[in-house]
């Protein structure tokens, strides 16, 4: 982070605001990644011990989504 690496001055609370927005951005990216490759998300969740019921899963999608620009 620029604040740490270069000692950039900042206002109080800016680190917390940056952390909040970083978390928000990562959650958006995670949703997009799961939408693009739900089977990978299921595999990882199951690897971590979660039980995934995909009986109602939306099977409509593009199998090539991960290869699109």
PDB file of N, CA and C in Angstrom:
ATOM      1  N   UNK A   1       0.851  -1.168   0.000  1.00  0.00           N
ATOM      2  CA  UNK A   1       0.000   0.000   0.000  1.00  0.00           C
ATOM      3  C   UNK A   1       0.901   1.237   0.000  1.00  0.00           C
ATOM      4  N   UNK A   2       0.500   2.234  -0.721  1.00  0.00           N
ATOM      5  CA  UNK A   2       1.319   3.445  -0.863  1.00  0.00           C
ATOM      6  C   UNK A   2       1.593   4.126   0.466  1.00  0.00           C
ATOM      7  N   UNK A   3       0.635   4.089   1.366  1.00  0.00           N
ATOM      8  CA  UNK A   3       0.817   4.728   2.671  1.00  0.00           C
ATOM      9  C   UNK A   3       2.022   4.127   3.388  1.00  0.00           C
ATOM     10  N   UNK A   4       2.122   2.818   3.355  1.00  0.00           N
ATOM     11  CA  UNK A   4       3.211   2.123   4.046  1.00  0.00           C
ATOM     12  C   UNK A   4       4.506   2.185   3.238  1.00  0.00           C
ATOM     13  N   UNK A   5       4.421   1.853   1.945  1.00  0.00           N
ATOM     14  CA  UNK A   5       5.622   1.753   1.131  1.00  0.00           C
ATOM     15  C   UNK A   5       6.336   3.083   0.933  1.00  0.00           C
ATOM     16  N   UNK A   6       5.564   4.147   0.755  1.00  0.00           N
ATOM     17  CA  UNK A   6       6.174   5.434   0.433  1.00  0.00           C
ATOM     18  C   UNK A   6       5.929   6.509   1.492  1.00  0.00           C
ATOM     19  N   UNK A   7       5.303   6.134   2.585  1.00  0.00           N
ATOM     20  CA  UNK A   7       5.066   7.079   3.661  1.00  0.00           C
ATOM     21  C   UNK A   7       4.164   8.238   3.273  1.00  0.00           C
ATOM     22  N   UNK A   8       3.207   7.966   2.394  1.00  0.00           N
ATOM     23  CA  UNK A   8       2.301   9.020   1.939  1.00  0.00           C
ATOM     24  C   UNK A   8       1.410   9.458   3.089  1.00  0.00           C
ATOM     25  N   UNK A   9       1.284  10.752   3.228  1.00  0.00           N
ATOM     26  CA  UNK A   9       0.435  11.270   4.303  1.00  0.00           C
ATOM     27  C   UNK A   9      -1.014  10.922   4.003  1.00  0.00           C
ATOM     28  N   UNK A  10      -1.789  10.759   5.068  1.00  0.00           N
ATOM     29  CA  UNK A  10      -3.175  10.364   4.906  1.00  0.00           C
ATOM     30  C   UNK A  10      -3.987  10.849   6.098  1.00  0.00           C
ATOM     31  N   UNK A  11      -5.269  10.939   5.893  1.00  0.00           N
ATOM     32  CA  UNK A  11      -6.141  11.391   6.975  1.00  0.00           C
ATOM     33  C   UNK A  11      -6.521  10.203   7.846  1.00  0.00           C
ATOM     34  N   UNK A  12      -6.900  10.510   9.064  1.00  0.00           N
ATOM     35  CA  UNK A  12      -7.309   9.468   9.987  1.00  0.00           C
ATOM     36  C   UNK A  12      -8.509   8.721   9.409  1.00  0.00           C
ATOM     37  N   UNK A  13      -8.463   7.411   9.494  1.00  0.00           N
ATOM     38  CA  UNK A  13      -9.553   6.585   8.988  1.00  0.00           C
ATOM     39  C   UNK A  13      -9.381   6.133   7.552  1.00  0.00           C
ATOM     40  N   UNK A  14      -8.363   6.642   6.880  1.00  0.00           N
ATOM     41  CA  UNK A  14      -8.198   6.274   5.469  1.00  0.00           C
ATOM     42  C   UNK A  14      -7.803   4.805   5.300  1.00  0.00           C
ATOM     43  N   UNK A  15      -7.001   4.284   6.199  1.00  0.00           N
ATOM     44  CA  UNK A  15      -6.624   2.867   6.092  1.00  0.00           C
ATOM     45  C   UNK A  15      -7.845   1.975   6.240  1.00  0.00           C
ATOM     46  N   UNK A  16      -8.707   2.308   7.157  1.00  0.00           N
ATOM     47  CA  UNK A  16      -9.944   1.532   7.352  1.00  0.00           C
ATOM     48  C   UNK A  16     -10.842   1.641   6.123  1.00  0.00           C
ATOM     49  N   UNK A  17     -10.939   2.826   5.544  1.00  0.00           N
ATOM     50  CA  UNK A  17     -11.754   3.019   4.341  1.00  0.00           C
ATOM     51  C   UNK A  17     -11.187   2.208   3.177  1.00  0.00           C
ATOM     52  N   UNK A  18      -9.884   2.189   3.040  1.00  0.00           N
ATOM     53  CA  UNK A  18      -9.240   1.408   1.982  1.00  0.00           C
ATOM     54  C   UNK A  18      -9.506  -0.079   2.199  1.00  0.00           C
ATOM     55  N   UNK A  19      -9.378  -0.537   3.430  1.00  0.00           N
ATOM     56  CA  UNK A  19      -9.623  -1.950   3.735  1.00  0.00           C
ATOM     57  C   UNK A  19     -11.078  -2.324   3.449  1.00  0.00           C
ATOM     58  N   UNK A  20     -12.008  -1.447   3.801  1.00  0.00           N
ATOM     59  CA  UNK A  20     -13.431  -1.705   3.536  1.00  0.00           C
ATOM     60  C   UNK A  20     -13.694  -1.834   2.041  1.00  0.00           C
ATOM     61  N   UNK A  21     -13.146  -0.920   1.269  1.00  0.00           N
ATOM     62  CA  UNK A  21     -13.371  -0.943  -0.180  1.00  0.00           C
ATOM     63  C   UNK A  21     -12.660  -2.115  -0.846  1.00  0.00           C
ATOM     64  N   UNK A  22     -11.500  -2.501  -0.312  1.00  0.00           N
ATOM     65  CA  UNK A  22     -10.797  -3.674  -0.839  1.00  0.00           C
ATOM     66  C   UNK A  22     -11.648  -4.924  -0.621  1.00  0.00           C
ATOM     67  N   UNK A  23     -12.224  -5.046   0.569  1.00  0.00           N
ATOM     68  CA  UNK A  23     -13.093  -6.189   0.855  1.00  0.00           C
ATOM     69  C   UNK A  23     -14.301  -6.183  -0.085  1.00  0.00           C
ATOM     70  N   UNK A  24     -14.913  -5.029  -0.270  1.00  0.00           N
ATOM     71  CA  UNK A  24     -16.060  -4.899  -1.167  1.00  0.00           C
ATOM     72  C   UNK A  24     -15.680  -5.336  -2.584  1.00  0.00           C
ATOM     73  N   UNK A  25     -14.547  -4.862  -3.085  1.00  0.00           N
ATOM     74  CA  UNK A  25     -14.070  -5.203  -4.426  1.00  0.00           C
ATOM     75  C   UNK A  25     -13.814  -6.710  -4.556  1.00  0.00           C
ATOM     76  N   UNK A  26     -13.199  -7.297  -3.534  1.00  0.00           N
ATOM     77  CA  UNK A  26     -12.906  -8.728  -3.593  1.00  0.00           C
ATOM     78  C   UNK A  26     -14.179  -9.559  -3.614  1.00  0.00           C
ATOM     79  N   UNK A  27     -15.193  -9.115  -2.882  1.00  0.00           N
ATOM     80  CA  UNK A  27     -16.474  -9.838  -2.897  1.00  0.00           C
ATOM     81  C   UNK A  27     -17.136  -9.748  -4.275  1.00  0.00           C
ATOM     82  N   UNK A  28     -17.044  -8.599  -4.923  1.00  0.00           N
ATOM     83  CA  UNK A  28     -17.564  -8.454  -6.283  1.00  0.00           C
ATOM     84  C   UNK A  28     -16.829  -9.404  -7.219  1.00  0.00           C
ATOM     85  N   UNK A  29     -15.516  -9.429  -7.110  1.00  0.00           N
ATOM     86  CA  UNK A  29     -14.716 -10.294  -7.964  1.00  0.00           C
ATOM     87  C   UNK A  29     -15.008 -11.772  -7.704  1.00  0.00           C
ATOM     88  N   UNK A  30     -15.220 -12.123  -6.450  1.00  0.00           N
ATOM     89  CA  UNK A  30     -15.545 -13.503  -6.108  1.00  0.00           C
ATOM     90  C   UNK A  30     -16.872 -13.916  -6.732  1.00  0.00           C
ATOM     91  N   UNK A  31     -17.868 -13.038  -6.637  1.00  0.00           N
ATOM     92  CA  UNK A  31     -19.158 -13.348  -7.265  1.00  0.00           C
ATOM     93  C   UNK A  31     -19.007 -13.561  -8.767  1.00  0.00           C
ATOM     94  N   UNK A  32     -18.224 -12.725  -9.402  1.00  0.00           N
ATOM     95  CA  UNK A  32     -18.005 -12.859 -10.841  1.00  0.00           C
ATOM     96  C   UNK A  32     -17.293 -14.167 -11.157  1.00  0.00           C
ATOM     97  N   UNK A  33     -16.300 -14.513 -10.365  1.00  0.00           N
ATOM     98  CA  UNK A  33     -15.561 -15.747 -10.602  1.00  0.00           C
ATOM     99  C   UNK A  33     -16.462 -16.968 -10.419  1.00  0.00           C
ATOM    100  N   UNK A  34     -17.306 -16.960  -9.404  1.00  0.00           N
ATOM    101  CA  UNK A  34     -18.227 -18.075  -9.169  1.00  0.00           C
ATOM    102  C   UNK A  34     -19.231 -18.179 -10.312  1.00  0.00           C
ATOM    103  N   UNK A  35     -19.700 -17.036 -10.805  1.00  0.00           N
ATOM    104  CA  UNK A  35     -20.636 -17.050 -11.933  1.00  0.00           C
ATOM    105  C   UNK A  35     -19.970 -17.612 -13.182  1.00  0.00           C
ATOM    106  N   UNK A  36     -18.700 -17.327 -13.365  1.00  0.00           N
ATOM    107  CA  UNK A  36     -17.966 -17.802 -14.536  1.00  0.00           C
ATOM    108  C   UNK A  36     -17.637 -19.288 -14.450  1.00  0.00           C
ATOM    109  N   UNK A  37     -17.362 -19.789 -13.264  1.00  0.00           N
ATOM    110  CA  UNK A  37     -16.938 -21.188 -13.100  1.00  0.00           C
ATOM    111  C   UNK A  37     -17.513 -21.781 -11.817  1.00  0.00           C
ATOM    112  N   UNK A  38     -18.823 -21.975 -11.776  1.00  0.00           N
ATOM    113  CA  UNK A  38     -19.438 -22.480 -10.542  1.00  0.00           C
ATOM    114  C   UNK A  38     -18.920 -23.858 -10.137  1.00  0.00           C
ATOM    115  N   UNK A  39     -18.535 -24.673 -11.120  1.00  0.00           N
ATOM    116  CA  UNK A  39     -18.044 -26.010 -10.782  1.00  0.00           C
ATOM    117  C   UNK A  39     -16.747 -25.938  -9.983  1.00  0.00           C
ATOM    118  N   UNK A  40     -15.931 -24.946 -10.251  1.00  0.00           N
ATOM    119  CA  UNK A  40     -14.692 -24.759  -9.497  1.00  0.00           C
ATOM    120  C   UNK A  40     -15.019 -24.316  -8.070  1.00  0.00           C
ATOM    121  N   UNK A  41     -15.998 -23.440  -7.942  1.00  0.00           N
ATOM    122  CA  UNK A  41     -16.419 -22.987  -6.612  1.00  0.00           C
ATOM    123  C   UNK A  41     -16.950 -24.163  -5.790  1.00  0.00           C
ATOM    124  N   UNK A  42     -17.754 -25.013  -6.412  1.00  0.00           N
ATOM    125  CA  UNK A  42     -18.290 -26.188  -5.721  1.00  0.00           C
ATOM    126  C   UNK A  42     -17.151 -27.103  -5.280  1.00  0.00           C
ATOM    127  N   UNK A  43     -16.208 -27.362  -6.175  1.00  0.00           N
ATOM    128  CA  UNK A  43     -15.080 -28.229  -5.825  1.00  0.00           C
ATOM    129  C   UNK A  43     -14.312 -27.684  -4.624  1.00  0.00           C
ATOM    130  N   UNK A  44     -14.071 -26.387  -4.612  1.00  0.00           N
ATOM    131  CA  UNK A  44     -13.298 -25.798  -3.504  1.00  0.00           C
ATOM    132  C   UNK A  44     -14.087 -25.825  -2.204  1.00  0.00           C
ATOM    133  N   UNK A  45     -15.369 -25.535  -2.275  1.00  0.00           N
ATOM    134  CA  UNK A  45     -16.191 -25.595  -1.064  1.00  0.00           C
ATOM    135  C   UNK A  45     -16.229 -27.018  -0.503  1.00  0.00           C
ATOM    136  N   UNK A  46     -16.405 -27.996  -1.383  1.00  0.00           N
ATOM    137  CA  UNK A  46     -16.429 -29.381  -0.922  1.00  0.00           C
ATOM    138  C   UNK A  46     -15.069 -29.799  -0.370  1.00  0.00           C
ATOM    139  N   UNK A  47     -13.999 -29.318  -0.976  1.00  0.00           N
ATOM    140  CA  UNK A  47     -12.662 -29.625  -0.466  1.00  0.00           C
ATOM    141  C   UNK A  47     -12.487 -29.099   0.961  1.00  0.00           C
ATOM    142  N   UNK A  48     -13.176 -28.019   1.246  1.00  0.00           N
ATOM    143  CA  UNK A  48     -13.085 -27.415   2.580  1.00  0.00           C
ATOM    144  C   UNK A  48     -14.117 -27.970   3.557  1.00  0.00           C
ATOM    145  N   UNK A  49     -14.869 -28.986   3.123  1.00  0.00           N
ATOM    146  CA  UNK A  49     -15.794 -29.656   4.023  1.00  0.00           C
ATOM    147  C   UNK A  49     -17.240 -29.198   3.919  1.00  0.00           C
ATOM    148  N   UNK A  50     -17.547 -28.280   3.031  1.00  0.00           N
ATOM    149  CA  UNK A  50     -18.925 -27.842   2.856  1.00  0.00           C
ATOM    150  C   UNK A  50     -19.685 -28.879   2.045  1.00  0.00           C
ATOM    151  N   UNK A  51     -20.981 -28.965   2.299  1.00  0.00           N
ATOM    152  CA  UNK A  51     -21.861 -29.809   1.509  1.00  0.00           C
ATOM    153  C   UNK A  51     -22.650 -28.886   0.610  1.00  0.00           C
ATOM    154  N   UNK A  52     -22.546 -29.095  -0.692  1.00  0.00           N
ATOM    155  CA  UNK A  52     -23.197 -28.226  -1.663  1.00  0.00           C
ATOM    156  C   UNK A  52     -24.356 -28.976  -2.303  1.00  0.00           C
ATOM    157  N   UNK A  53     -25.550 -28.412  -2.181  1.00  0.00           N
ATOM    158  CA  UNK A  53     -26.737 -28.971  -2.832  1.00  0.00           C
ATOM    159  C   UNK A  53     -26.982 -28.171  -4.093  1.00  0.00           C
ATOM    160  N   UNK A  54     -26.631 -28.736  -5.212  1.00  0.00           N
ATOM    161  CA  UNK A  54     -26.803 -28.018  -6.464  1.00  0.00           C
ATOM    162  C   UNK A  54     -27.978 -28.553  -7.270  1.00  0.00           C
ATOM    163  N   UNK A  55     -28.933 -29.196  -6.576  1.00  0.00           N
ATOM    164  CA  UNK A  55     -30.083 -29.761  -7.271  1.00  0.00           C
ATOM    165  C   UNK A  55     -30.949 -28.679  -7.916  1.00  0.00           C
ATOM    166  N   UNK A  56     -30.886 -27.470  -7.417  1.00  0.00           N
ATOM    167  CA  UNK A  56     -31.661 -26.361  -7.970  1.00  0.00           C
ATOM    168  C   UNK A  56     -30.779 -25.377  -8.726  1.00  0.00           C
ATOM    169  N   UNK A  57     -29.577 -25.795  -9.021  1.00  0.00           N
ATOM    170  CA  UNK A  57     -28.610 -24.904  -9.666  1.00  0.00           C
ATOM    171  C   UNK A  57     -29.051 -24.544 -11.075  1.00  0.00           C
ATOM    172  N   UNK A  58     -28.755 -23.327 -11.442  1.00  0.00           N
ATOM    173  CA  UNK A  58     -29.006 -22.855 -12.795  1.00  0.00           C
ATOM    174  C   UNK A  58     -27.925 -23.439 -13.697  1.00  0.00           C
ATOM    175  N   UNK A  59     -28.309 -24.310 -14.568  1.00  0.00           N
ATOM    176  CA  UNK A  59     -27.338 -24.990 -15.432  1.00  0.00           C
ATOM    177  C   UNK A  59     -27.119 -24.233 -16.747  1.00  0.00           C
ATOM    178  N   UNK A  60     -27.792 -23.099 -16.899  1.00  0.00           N
ATOM    179  CA  UNK A  60     -27.643 -22.317 -18.122  1.00  0.00           C
ATOM    180  C   UNK A  60     -26.403 -21.451 -17.989  1.00  0.00           C
ATOM    181  N   UNK A  61     -25.574 -21.485 -18.983  1.00  0.00           N
ATOM    182  CA  UNK A  61     -24.367 -20.676 -18.940  1.00  0.00           C
ATOM    183  C   UNK A  61     -23.459 -21.042 -20.081  1.00  0.00           C
ATOM    184  N   UNK A  62     -22.421 -20.306 -20.219  1.00  0.00           N
ATOM    185  CA  UNK A  62     -21.471 -20.540 -21.292  1.00  0.00           C
ATOM    186  C   UNK A  62     -20.279 -21.321 -20.769  1.00  0.00           C
ATOM    187  N   UNK A  63     -20.047 -22.524 -21.295  1.00  0.00           N
ATOM    188  CA  UNK A  63     -18.885 -23.293 -20.830  1.00  0.00           C
ATOM    189  C   UNK A  63     -17.566 -22.608 -21.223  1.00  0.00           C
ATOM    190  N   UNK A  64     -17.628 -21.670 -22.152  1.00  0.00           N
ATOM    191  CA  UNK A  64     -16.418 -20.996 -22.585  1.00  0.00           C
ATOM    192  C   UNK A  64     -16.212 -19.653 -21.879  1.00  0.00           C
ATOM    193  N   UNK A  65     -17.012 -19.349 -20.903  1.00  0.00           N
ATOM    194  CA  UNK A  65     -16.951 -18.048 -20.231  1.00  0.00           C
ATOM    195  C   UNK A  65     -15.559 -17.728 -19.695  1.00  0.00           C
ATOM    196  N   UNK A  66     -14.861 -18.713 -19.215  1.00  0.00           N
ATOM    197  CA  UNK A  66     -13.529 -18.480 -18.653  1.00  0.00           C
ATOM    198  C   UNK A  66     -12.509 -18.103 -19.724  1.00  0.00           C
ATOM    199  N   UNK A  67     -12.819 -18.369 -20.979  1.00  0.00           N
ATOM    200  CA  UNK A  67     -11.882 -18.096 -22.057  1.00  0.00           C
ATOM    201  C   UNK A  67     -12.184 -16.790 -22.766  1.00  0.00           C
ATOM    202  N   UNK A  68     -13.326 -16.177 -22.431  1.00  0.00           N
ATOM    203  CA  UNK A  68     -13.708 -14.917 -23.084  1.00  0.00           C
ATOM    204  C   UNK A  68     -12.921 -13.758 -22.511  1.00  0.00           C
ATOM    205  N   UNK A  69     -12.750 -12.751 -23.319  1.00  0.00           N
ATOM    206  CA  UNK A  69     -12.033 -11.545 -22.886  1.00  0.00           C
ATOM    207  C   UNK A  69     -12.930 -10.664 -22.056  1.00  0.00           C
TER     208      UNK A  69
END
